[in-house]
Amino acid sequence: MLKLSVVVPFYNVQTYAPDALKSLELNARDDFEFLLVDDRSTDGTSALLERAARELPGASHLRHERNAGLATARNTGLDAARGEYIAFLDGDDWLAPGHLARTLATIEALNCDFVRTDHVRCTGRARSVQRVPYGPDSVVADPRSAILPAGRTTSVDYPYAWAGMYHRRLLDRGLLHFTDGLRTAEDRPWIWRLHREAESFATVGLPGIFYRRGVSTSLTQIGDERQLDFIRSFDQVLSDTAADREFDLLLPKAVRTYCAIIAHHIGSIERFEPAVAKKLRSMSAAALGRMPQDVLDRALDSMDSDRADLLRRLRRRARAADSTASAAAAALGPSPAGVRA
């Protein structure tokens, strides 16, 4: 068995892919493989990956016949992975030389299911180190211990799949795959599942991944309908958490995080296309209506007044829409026999 498989999705990043590929070359070892997943790029990315498959040691080029999104592209790489350990990189980011070997040596020494690492955020020429929001460093712990408290930033709020390394036993247990088709926030159900169901983890420094912000082709910069997949993503977080044995402890954190993300998107709604902005308001209001209302009340009471007021207005909108729909249905009377309402 190979020691490490690195899954790297690419989509229309011909400007940045050379940096990612060069950094993989500077991390290559005979027992490493690089799974380069082309999510049906329409620019020059495919040609770069075909060349890398010939010249980069350990590289394989896996090409989708249709664009399927980041979650599905990562799953394609996971399905092909042969390594004892798994890591991720995105096609517009890059690694420091030797970062993979250092991280591998660390997780092997700690002998845990996964490690989470710091990273370097790159916005233009600016650089800043982003820390894993969990206190003990290089100490093996129960991943559940890093979910709470609800009112503070914790490890589940640091969802980046590429900021860490994972033992293959997690893949074999079905914990590393992503929800197919999610086009944004795909890592939110993923990180929550890891922290609920894995048995051991540790956080380590090692800020050797360079995360490029402000890329024009990134979904974080595009205000189209794909951004709304965060609703489906967090609905899954709530559903999965509600089925957990400690749902009463964990749901307040899941609901509060969902609320914070809704408030963030509504607060920057001007970046969305008008039709998408309208849909965002409607879907967000409906999402608030689906949450456990007693847990939601406590979450709103714990938030700052600006965000709480915004979310309460949205919730009133959802309740008003439900009342209007119920009144309209009552006015129409019962459906004729044999006709489904």
Protein backbone atom coordinates (compact mmCIF):
# COMPACT_ATOMS: atom_id res chain seq x y z
CA MET A 1 0.00 0.00 0.00
CA LEU A 2 1.15 3.53 -0.75
CA LYS A 3 1.74 5.72 2.28
CA LEU A 4 -0.24 8.80 1.17
CA SER A 5 -2.92 9.72 -1.39
CA VAL A 6 -3.48 13.42 -2.12
CA VAL A 7 -6.81 14.31 -3.76
CA VAL A 8 -6.64 17.52 -5.82
CA PRO A 9 -9.75 18.75 -7.71
CA PHE A 10 -9.34 21.30 -10.50
CA TYR A 11 -11.91 23.38 -12.36
CA ASN A 12 -10.97 26.24 -14.69
CA VAL A 13 -7.85 27.25 -12.74
CA GLN A 14 -5.25 27.36 -15.52
CA THR A 15 -3.79 30.56 -14.00
CA TYR A 16 -3.18 28.94 -10.62
CA ALA A 17 -2.78 25.22 -11.38
CA PRO A 18 0.96 25.53 -12.18
CA ASP A 19 1.61 26.70 -8.60
CA ALA A 20 -0.36 23.77 -7.17
CA LEU A 21 1.39 21.26 -9.42
CA LYS A 22 4.86 22.67 -8.72
CA SER A 23 4.19 22.45 -5.00
CA LEU A 24 3.18 18.80 -5.37
CA GLU A 25 6.46 18.15 -7.18
CA LEU A 26 8.29 19.68 -4.20
CA ASN A 27 6.40 17.28 -1.90
CA ALA A 28 6.69 14.12 -4.00
CA ARG A 29 7.95 10.82 -2.60
CA ASP A 30 8.05 7.34 -4.07
CA ASP A 31 5.22 6.24 -1.73
CA PHE A 32 2.96 9.25 -2.43
CA GLU A 33 0.29 9.48 -5.13
CA PHE A 34 -1.41 12.61 -6.46
CA LEU A 35 -4.96 12.17 -7.79
CA LEU A 36 -5.59 15.14 -10.10
CA VAL A 37 -9.35 15.33 -10.68
CA ASP A 38 -10.43 17.52 -13.61
CA ASP A 39 -14.07 18.52 -13.04
CA ARG A 40 -14.66 19.09 -16.77
CA SER A 41 -12.63 22.28 -17.11
CA THR A 42 -13.28 24.40 -20.19
CA ASP A 43 -10.04 26.41 -20.16
CA GLY A 44 -6.46 25.18 -20.41
CA THR A 45 -6.50 23.28 -17.10
CA SER A 46 -6.98 19.87 -18.72
CA ALA A 47 -3.82 20.19 -20.81
CA LEU A 48 -1.83 21.13 -17.71
CA LEU A 49 -3.10 18.04 -15.90
CA GLU A 50 -2.39 15.74 -18.84
CA ARG A 51 1.20 16.98 -18.86
CA ALA A 52 1.47 16.60 -15.07
CA ALA A 53 0.27 13.00 -15.28
CA ARG A 54 3.26 12.29 -17.55
CA GLU A 55 5.90 14.30 -15.68
CA LEU A 56 4.92 14.53 -12.00
CA PRO A 57 5.96 11.45 -10.00
CA GLY A 58 2.92 9.61 -8.63
CA ALA A 59 0.36 11.71 -10.50
CA SER A 60 -2.83 10.37 -12.12
CA HIS A 61 -5.27 12.43 -14.21
CA LEU A 62 -8.94 11.62 -13.51
CA ARG A 63 -11.37 13.47 -15.80
CA HIS A 64 -15.11 13.96 -15.33
CA GLU A 65 -17.35 13.78 -18.37
CA ARG A 66 -19.52 16.55 -16.91
CA ASN A 67 -18.99 19.24 -14.31
CA ALA A 68 -20.20 17.89 -10.98
CA GLY A 69 -18.85 20.25 -8.34
CA LEU A 70 -16.17 20.10 -5.68
CA ALA A 71 -17.82 17.48 -3.45
CA THR A 72 -18.20 14.96 -6.26
CA ALA A 73 -14.70 15.70 -7.59
CA ARG A 74 -13.21 14.94 -4.19
CA ASN A 75 -15.24 11.71 -4.04
CA THR A 76 -13.80 10.67 -7.40
CA GLY A 77 -10.32 11.02 -5.95
CA LEU A 78 -11.26 9.18 -2.75
CA ASP A 79 -12.66 6.27 -4.75
CA ALA A 80 -9.29 5.89 -6.51
CA ALA A 81 -7.09 6.45 -3.42
CA ARG A 82 -4.71 3.64 -2.45
CA GLY A 83 -2.79 5.29 0.38
CA GLU A 84 -2.70 4.47 4.07
CA TYR A 85 -3.33 8.17 4.70
CA ILE A 86 -5.41 10.74 2.80
CA ALA A 87 -4.87 14.46 2.25
CA PHE A 88 -6.56 17.12 0.12
CA LEU A 89 -5.47 20.19 -1.80
CA ASP A 90 -7.53 22.52 -4.00
CA GLY A 91 -6.29 23.30 -7.50
CA ASP A 92 -5.86 27.04 -6.85
CA ASP A 93 -3.87 26.62 -3.60
CA TRP A 94 -0.33 25.37 -2.95
CA LEU A 95 1.90 23.63 -0.40
CA ALA A 96 5.19 24.54 1.23
CA PRO A 97 8.04 22.19 0.22
CA GLY A 98 8.02 19.09 2.42
CA HIS A 99 4.71 19.93 4.11
CA LEU A 100 3.12 16.55 3.35
CA ALA A 101 6.06 14.58 4.76
CA ARG A 102 6.07 16.66 7.95
CA THR A 103 2.32 16.22 8.45
CA LEU A 104 2.57 12.49 7.75
CA ALA A 105 5.35 12.06 10.31
CA THR A 106 3.22 13.94 12.85
CA ILE A 107 0.04 11.89 12.40
CA GLU A 108 2.05 8.66 12.50
CA ALA A 109 3.76 9.72 15.73
CA LEU A 110 0.43 10.70 17.31
CA ASN A 111 -1.29 7.53 16.02
CA CYS A 112 -4.75 9.14 15.75
CA ASP A 113 -7.57 9.07 13.21
CA PHE A 114 -6.90 12.57 11.86
CA VAL A 115 -4.98 15.75 12.46
CA ARG A 116 -6.01 19.33 11.73
CA THR A 117 -3.39 21.89 10.74
CA ASP A 118 -3.10 25.66 10.63
CA HIS A 119 -2.88 27.33 7.21
CA VAL A 120 -1.76 30.54 5.55
CA ARG A 121 -4.48 32.74 4.05
CA CYS A 122 -3.31 34.61 0.95
CA THR A 123 -5.28 37.65 -0.22
CA GLY A 124 -3.33 39.33 -2.97
CA ARG A 125 0.11 39.91 -1.45
CA ALA A 126 -1.15 39.79 2.14
CA ARG A 127 -0.42 36.70 4.25
CA SER A 128 -1.93 35.70 7.60
CA VAL A 129 -1.75 32.46 9.57
CA GLN A 130 -5.16 30.98 10.44
CA ARG A 131 -5.13 28.76 13.53
CA VAL A 132 -7.27 25.74 14.24
CA PRO A 133 -9.77 26.99 16.88
CA TYR A 134 -8.90 24.36 19.47
CA GLY A 135 -6.57 24.82 22.41
CA PRO A 136 -4.26 21.84 23.03
CA ASP A 137 -1.56 21.35 20.40
CA SER A 138 -0.28 17.87 19.46
CA VAL A 139 -2.46 16.26 22.14
CA VAL A 140 -4.67 13.34 21.07
CA ALA A 141 -8.29 13.89 22.10
CA ASP A 142 -11.87 12.78 21.48
CA PRO A 143 -13.10 14.74 18.42
CA ARG A 144 -16.45 15.34 20.17
CA SER A 145 -14.65 17.44 22.73
CA ALA A 146 -13.89 20.01 20.01
CA ILE A 147 -17.52 20.64 18.91
CA LEU A 148 -18.73 22.75 21.84
CA PRO A 149 -19.34 25.29 23.33
CA ALA A 150 -22.18 26.59 21.19
CA GLY A 151 -21.38 30.26 21.62
CA ARG A 152 -17.71 30.13 20.59
CA THR A 153 -15.79 29.32 17.41
CA THR A 154 -14.73 25.67 17.61
CA SER A 155 -13.12 23.05 15.40
CA VAL A 156 -16.33 22.37 13.43
CA ASP A 157 -16.21 26.03 12.36
CA TYR A 158 -12.84 25.33 10.70
CA PRO A 159 -14.16 22.96 8.03
CA TYR A 160 -11.37 23.04 5.42
CA ALA A 161 -10.76 19.48 4.25
CA TRP A 162 -7.25 20.36 3.02
CA ALA A 163 -6.18 21.58 6.47
CA GLY A 164 -5.24 18.17 7.80
CA MET A 165 -4.51 14.51 7.13
CA TYR A 166 -6.69 11.44 7.66
CA HIS A 167 -6.09 7.75 8.28
CA ARG A 168 -7.51 5.36 5.73
CA ARG A 169 -9.66 3.66 8.35
CA LEU A 170 -11.91 6.75 8.20
CA LEU A 171 -12.32 6.23 4.45
CA ASP A 172 -13.10 2.55 4.99
CA ARG A 173 -15.76 3.52 7.54
CA GLY A 174 -17.43 5.92 5.07
CA LEU A 175 -16.48 9.07 6.98
CA LEU A 176 -14.37 10.85 4.35
CA HIS A 177 -16.76 11.04 1.40
CA PHE A 178 -18.70 14.24 0.74
CA THR A 179 -22.39 14.67 -0.14
CA ASP A 180 -22.50 14.33 -3.92
CA GLY A 181 -23.65 17.41 -5.80
CA LEU A 182 -23.08 20.01 -3.08
CA ARG A 183 -21.53 22.98 -4.82
CA THR A 184 -20.68 25.03 -1.75
CA ALA A 185 -20.37 24.41 2.01
CA GLU A 186 -19.70 20.77 1.12
CA ASP A 187 -17.23 20.52 3.99
CA ARG A 188 -19.75 21.46 6.73
CA PRO A 189 -21.62 18.11 7.03
CA TRP A 190 -18.24 16.44 6.46
CA ILE A 191 -16.43 18.10 9.39
CA TRP A 192 -19.38 17.61 11.72
CA ARG A 193 -19.51 13.89 10.85
CA LEU A 194 -15.78 13.53 11.47
CA HIS A 195 -16.03 15.12 14.89
CA ARG A 196 -19.09 13.08 15.87
CA GLU A 197 -17.97 9.67 14.61
CA ALA A 198 -14.16 9.47 14.51
CA GLU A 199 -12.44 8.21 17.65
CA SER A 200 -9.32 10.36 17.96
CA PHE A 201 -7.78 13.54 16.58
CA ALA A 202 -5.20 16.20 17.30
CA THR A 203 -4.47 19.72 16.17
CA VAL A 204 -0.95 20.65 15.12
CA GLY A 205 0.68 23.84 13.88
CA LEU A 206 2.39 23.12 10.55
CA PRO A 207 0.97 26.06 8.53
CA GLY A 208 2.25 24.70 5.22
CA ILE A 209 -0.89 25.07 3.08
CA PHE A 210 -1.38 28.37 1.28
CA TYR A 211 -5.07 29.13 0.75
CA ARG A 212 -5.71 31.62 -2.01
CA ARG A 213 -8.61 34.00 -1.30
CA GLY A 214 -10.36 36.26 -3.78
CA VAL A 215 -10.01 33.97 -6.82
CA SER A 216 -12.52 35.18 -9.42
CA THR A 217 -13.64 31.66 -10.36
CA SER A 218 -14.25 30.65 -6.72
CA LEU A 219 -17.87 30.24 -5.67
CA THR A 220 -17.20 32.55 -2.72
CA GLN A 221 -16.80 35.33 -5.31
CA ILE A 222 -19.78 34.40 -7.50
CA GLY A 223 -23.32 35.40 -6.49
CA ASP A 224 -25.24 32.79 -8.46
CA GLU A 225 -27.62 30.05 -7.37
CA ARG A 226 -24.86 27.58 -6.55
CA GLN A 227 -24.16 29.58 -3.39
CA LEU A 228 -27.57 28.56 -2.05
CA ASP A 229 -26.36 25.00 -1.55
CA PHE A 230 -25.32 26.12 1.94
CA ILE A 231 -29.00 25.66 2.87
CA ARG A 232 -28.95 22.02 1.83
CA SER A 233 -25.59 21.56 3.51
CA PHE A 234 -26.69 22.90 6.88
CA ASP A 235 -30.04 21.12 6.66
CA GLN A 236 -27.94 17.95 6.53
CA VAL A 237 -25.89 19.09 9.54
CA LEU A 238 -29.11 19.59 11.53
CA SER A 239 -30.63 16.31 10.39
CA ASP A 240 -27.49 14.30 11.19
CA THR A 241 -27.04 16.03 14.54
CA ALA A 242 -30.68 15.46 15.51
CA ALA A 243 -30.07 11.72 15.09
CA ASP A 244 -26.96 11.76 17.30
CA ARG A 245 -27.00 10.16 20.75
CA GLU A 246 -26.11 13.54 22.26
CA PHE A 247 -28.44 15.62 20.10
CA ASP A 248 -29.64 17.67 23.07
CA LEU A 249 -26.07 18.87 23.69
CA LEU A 250 -25.02 19.35 20.06
CA LEU A 251 -28.13 20.83 18.41
CA PRO A 252 -27.69 24.30 19.98
CA LYS A 253 -24.26 24.55 18.35
CA ALA A 254 -25.56 23.35 14.96
CA VAL A 255 -28.53 25.75 15.03
CA ARG A 256 -26.45 28.72 16.14
CA THR A 257 -23.88 28.11 13.40
CA TYR A 258 -26.63 27.77 10.78
CA CYS A 259 -28.10 31.07 11.97
CA ALA A 260 -24.73 32.80 11.78
CA ILE A 261 -24.22 31.61 8.19
CA ILE A 262 -27.71 32.76 7.17
CA ALA A 263 -27.06 36.17 8.73
CA HIS A 264 -23.73 36.41 6.90
CA HIS A 265 -25.30 35.75 3.50
CA ILE A 266 -28.27 38.04 4.09
CA GLY A 267 -25.90 40.72 5.34
CA SER A 268 -24.02 40.67 2.02
CA ILE A 269 -27.06 40.04 -0.17
CA GLU A 270 -26.12 42.80 -2.61
CA ARG A 271 -23.46 40.53 -4.16
CA PHE A 272 -26.13 38.11 -5.39
CA GLU A 273 -28.02 38.36 -8.65
CA PRO A 274 -31.52 39.83 -7.96
CA ALA A 275 -33.40 36.59 -8.59
CA VAL A 276 -30.94 34.67 -6.42
CA ALA A 277 -31.21 37.28 -3.65
CA LYS A 278 -34.98 36.86 -3.61
CA LYS A 279 -34.61 33.10 -3.43
CA LEU A 280 -32.00 33.44 -0.68
CA ARG A 281 -34.44 35.38 1.51
CA SER A 282 -37.23 32.87 0.90
CA MET A 283 -35.07 29.78 1.48
CA SER A 284 -33.48 31.28 4.58
CA ALA A 285 -36.86 32.11 6.08
CA ALA A 286 -38.06 28.58 5.38
CA ALA A 287 -34.88 27.15 6.95
CA LEU A 288 -35.52 29.09 10.16
CA GLY A 289 -39.03 27.66 10.19
CA ARG A 290 -37.68 24.10 9.99
CA MET A 291 -35.35 24.49 12.96
CA PRO A 292 -36.41 23.31 16.44
CA GLN A 293 -38.05 26.54 17.57
CA ASP A 294 -37.09 26.31 21.24
CA VAL A 295 -33.44 25.77 20.27
CA LEU A 296 -33.69 28.60 17.74
CA ASP A 297 -35.09 30.97 20.40
CA ARG A 298 -32.11 30.28 22.65
CA ALA A 299 -29.69 30.71 19.74
CA LEU A 300 -31.15 34.09 18.81
CA ASP A 301 -31.07 35.26 22.43
CA SER A 302 -27.33 34.46 22.52
CA MET A 303 -26.45 36.43 19.37
CA ASP A 304 -25.71 40.12 18.97
CA SER A 305 -28.77 42.31 18.47
CA ASP A 306 -28.15 43.16 14.79
CA ARG A 307 -27.99 39.55 13.64
CA ALA A 308 -30.73 38.41 16.00
CA ASP A 309 -33.12 41.15 14.79
CA LEU A 310 -32.39 40.29 11.15
CA LEU A 311 -33.12 36.60 11.74
CA ARG A 312 -36.27 37.31 13.75
CA ARG A 313 -37.60 39.39 10.87
CA LEU A 314 -36.91 36.52 8.51
CA ARG A 315 -38.68 34.08 10.82
CA ARG A 316 -41.74 36.33 11.01
CA ARG A 317 -41.77 36.32 7.22
CA ALA A 318 -41.82 32.53 7.19
CA ARG A 319 -44.66 32.41 9.72
CA ALA A 320 -46.65 35.00 7.78
CA ALA A 321 -46.21 32.99 4.58
CA ASP A 322 -47.36 29.82 6.36
CA SER A 323 -50.43 31.62 7.73
CA THR A 324 -51.31 32.98 4.30
CA ALA A 325 -50.95 29.55 2.72
CA SER A 326 -53.10 27.92 5.43
CA ALA A 327 -55.79 30.58 5.04
CA ALA A 328 -55.80 30.12 1.27
CA ALA A 329 -56.12 26.36 1.64
CA ALA A 330 -59.00 26.74 4.09
CA ALA A 331 -60.81 29.15 1.76
CA LEU A 332 -60.62 26.62 -1.06
CA GLY A 333 -62.25 23.97 1.10
CA PRO A 334 -61.55 20.24 0.94
CA SER A 335 -60.19 18.77 -2.27
CA PRO A 336 -62.72 16.95 -4.47
CA ALA A 337 -62.78 13.18 -4.00
CA GLY A 338 -60.03 11.46 -5.91
CA VAL A 339 -58.00 14.66 -6.36
CA ARG A 340 -54.81 15.09 -4.37
CA ALA A 341 -54.16 18.51 -2.88
